[in-house]
Amino acid sequence: MEVFEAVADPVRREILLALGGGTLSAGEIAGRFAISRPAVSRHLRVLRESGLVRDEASGRRRLYRLVPDGLEPLRSWLSDLTPSTASPWSARLDALETEVRRTRRDRRRSEPPAADPPRADPPASATDHPAPTKETA
């Protein structure tokens, strides 16, 4: 059965959502619905045949888990419907980078030109006051 047909049923979509939280036994899945266990079993079979879930025996229980790769046909189809497949963070990070660059540029423009670095102690000149000596003190 095709993935699109499998997810067309609301009960199967709910089962997928439940399995998105982790592995569940058939009994745990059936306990979530007000339908018979055989009906849940049929839904699980459809999901398994469409490649959306896998099952394994664990003693007397059958455990089911979601197969995320099985949803790829849906992802692909949905991405064709949306204008951009970029992450919502991608646009935000690009805007942040632009703002950082603009701020740096504005700071460089507003800073006064760099002055000559201060020189070390200027050489003593004759006009400077001489240091006191023992005789003048």
Protein backbone atom coordinates (compact mmCIF):
# COMPACT_ATOMS: atom_id res chain seq x y z
CA MET A 1 0.00 0.00 0.00
CA GLU A 2 1.24 3.50 -0.79
CA VAL A 3 2.31 5.84 2.00
CA PHE A 4 -0.32 8.41 1.04
CA GLU A 5 -3.10 5.84 1.35
CA ALA A 6 -1.70 4.64 4.67
CA VAL A 7 -1.75 8.10 6.24
CA ALA A 8 -5.15 8.96 4.77
CA ASP A 9 -6.88 7.25 7.71
CA PRO A 10 -7.07 9.28 10.95
CA VAL A 11 -6.55 6.21 13.15
CA ARG A 12 -3.33 5.34 11.33
CA ARG A 13 -2.14 8.93 11.66
CA GLU A 14 -2.77 8.74 15.42
CA ILE A 15 -0.85 5.47 15.58
CA LEU A 16 2.09 7.13 13.81
CA LEU A 17 1.98 10.03 16.26
CA ALA A 18 1.97 7.61 19.19
CA LEU A 19 4.94 5.71 17.75
CA GLY A 20 6.76 9.00 17.27
CA GLY A 21 7.18 8.95 21.05
CA GLY A 22 8.89 5.56 21.01
CA THR A 23 8.32 1.84 20.67
CA LEU A 24 4.92 0.51 21.77
CA SER A 25 3.40 -2.92 21.99
CA ALA A 26 0.31 -3.79 19.97
CA GLY A 27 -1.69 -3.89 23.19
CA GLU A 28 -0.51 -0.41 24.22
CA ILE A 29 -1.48 0.94 20.82
CA ALA A 30 -4.89 -0.77 20.91
CA GLY A 31 -5.55 0.63 24.39
CA ARG A 32 -5.45 4.14 22.97
CA PHE A 33 -8.45 3.62 20.68
CA ALA A 34 -12.12 2.86 21.13
CA ILE A 35 -12.03 0.30 18.32
CA SER A 36 -11.54 -3.45 18.45
CA ARG A 37 -8.07 -5.01 18.71
CA PRO A 38 -8.53 -6.76 15.34
CA ALA A 39 -9.27 -3.37 13.75
CA VAL A 40 -6.08 -1.91 15.29
CA SER A 41 -4.20 -4.97 14.05
CA ARG A 42 -5.41 -4.28 10.49
CA HIS A 43 -4.28 -0.66 10.75
CA LEU A 44 -0.86 -1.80 11.99
CA ARG A 45 -0.61 -4.22 9.07
CA VAL A 46 -1.33 -1.41 6.59
CA LEU A 47 1.33 0.78 8.22
CA ARG A 48 3.83 -2.10 8.18
CA GLU A 49 3.17 -2.94 4.51
CA SER A 50 3.58 0.72 3.53
CA GLY A 51 6.99 0.83 5.25
CA LEU A 52 5.98 3.30 7.95
CA VAL A 53 6.38 0.96 10.94
CA ARG A 54 8.39 -2.13 11.79
CA ASP A 55 7.46 -4.82 14.22
CA GLU A 56 9.40 -7.41 16.14
CA ALA A 57 8.41 -10.20 18.46
CA SER A 58 9.42 -9.84 22.09
CA GLY A 59 8.22 -12.91 23.92
CA ARG A 60 4.48 -13.02 23.51
CA ARG A 61 4.27 -9.33 22.63
CA ARG A 62 4.70 -7.64 19.29
CA LEU A 63 6.55 -4.30 19.48
CA TYR A 64 6.08 -1.59 16.88
CA ARG A 65 8.31 1.36 16.07
CA LEU A 66 8.13 4.18 13.59
CA VAL A 67 10.34 4.09 10.47
CA PRO A 68 11.05 7.79 9.82
CA ASP A 69 12.55 7.10 6.38
CA GLY A 70 9.18 5.70 5.31
CA LEU A 71 7.81 9.24 5.50
CA GLU A 72 10.21 10.50 2.81
CA PRO A 73 7.62 10.42 -0.01
CA LEU A 74 5.41 12.68 2.11
CA ARG A 75 8.28 15.05 2.95
CA SER A 76 9.25 15.27 -0.70
CA TRP A 77 5.70 15.95 -1.84
CA LEU A 78 5.17 18.58 0.88
CA SER A 79 8.44 20.32 0.02
CA ASP A 80 7.18 20.70 -3.55
CA LEU A 81 4.16 22.58 -2.17
CA THR A 82 6.13 25.02 -0.04
CA PRO A 83 8.02 27.92 -1.61
CA SER A 84 11.20 27.35 0.35
CA THR A 85 12.66 24.19 1.79
CA ALA A 86 15.22 26.18 3.79
CA SER A 87 15.18 25.90 7.52
CA PRO A 88 13.33 28.72 9.30
CA TRP A 89 16.58 29.33 11.17
CA SER A 90 18.49 29.82 7.94
CA ALA A 91 16.77 33.13 7.15
CA ARG A 92 17.14 34.30 10.74
CA LEU A 93 20.83 33.50 10.86
CA ASP A 94 21.38 35.26 7.52
CA ALA A 95 19.62 38.35 8.90
CA LEU A 96 21.76 38.22 12.04
CA GLU A 97 24.94 38.00 9.98
CA THR A 98 23.85 41.01 7.91
CA GLU A 99 23.14 43.02 11.05
CA VAL A 100 26.51 42.15 12.60
CA ARG A 101 28.33 43.25 9.44
CA ARG A 102 26.30 46.47 9.27
CA THR A 103 27.05 47.28 12.93
CA ARG A 104 30.78 46.70 12.43
CA ARG A 105 30.80 48.91 9.35
CA ASP A 106 28.90 51.70 11.12
CA ARG A 107 31.28 51.59 14.09
CA ARG A 108 34.31 51.86 11.82
CA ARG A 109 32.78 54.86 10.07
CA SER A 110 31.89 56.68 13.29
CA GLU A 111 35.23 56.16 15.06
CA PRO A 112 37.69 59.07 14.84
CA PRO A 113 40.82 58.36 12.85
CA ALA A 114 43.44 56.60 14.89
CA ALA A 115 45.88 59.09 16.48
CA ASP A 116 49.60 58.55 16.57
CA PRO A 117 50.45 56.27 19.46
CA PRO A 118 51.79 58.14 22.49
CA ARG A 119 55.56 58.28 22.64
CA ALA A 120 57.55 57.05 25.55
CA ASP A 121 58.90 59.71 27.93
CA PRO A 122 60.06 62.68 25.89
CA PRO A 123 63.73 63.56 26.21
CA ALA A 124 64.56 66.01 29.01
CA SER A 125 65.15 69.56 27.84
CA ALA A 126 66.88 72.51 29.38
CA THR A 127 63.53 74.10 30.22
CA ASP A 128 62.45 71.20 32.37
CA HIS A 129 63.00 71.58 36.07
CA PRO A 130 66.01 69.62 37.18
CA ALA A 131 65.58 66.93 39.71
CA PRO A 132 66.46 68.08 43.24
CA THR A 133 69.87 67.11 44.50
CA LYS A 134 71.16 66.77 48.07
CA GLU A 135 72.55 70.24 47.90
CA THR A 136 69.27 71.90 46.79
CA ALA A 137 67.06 69.98 49.08
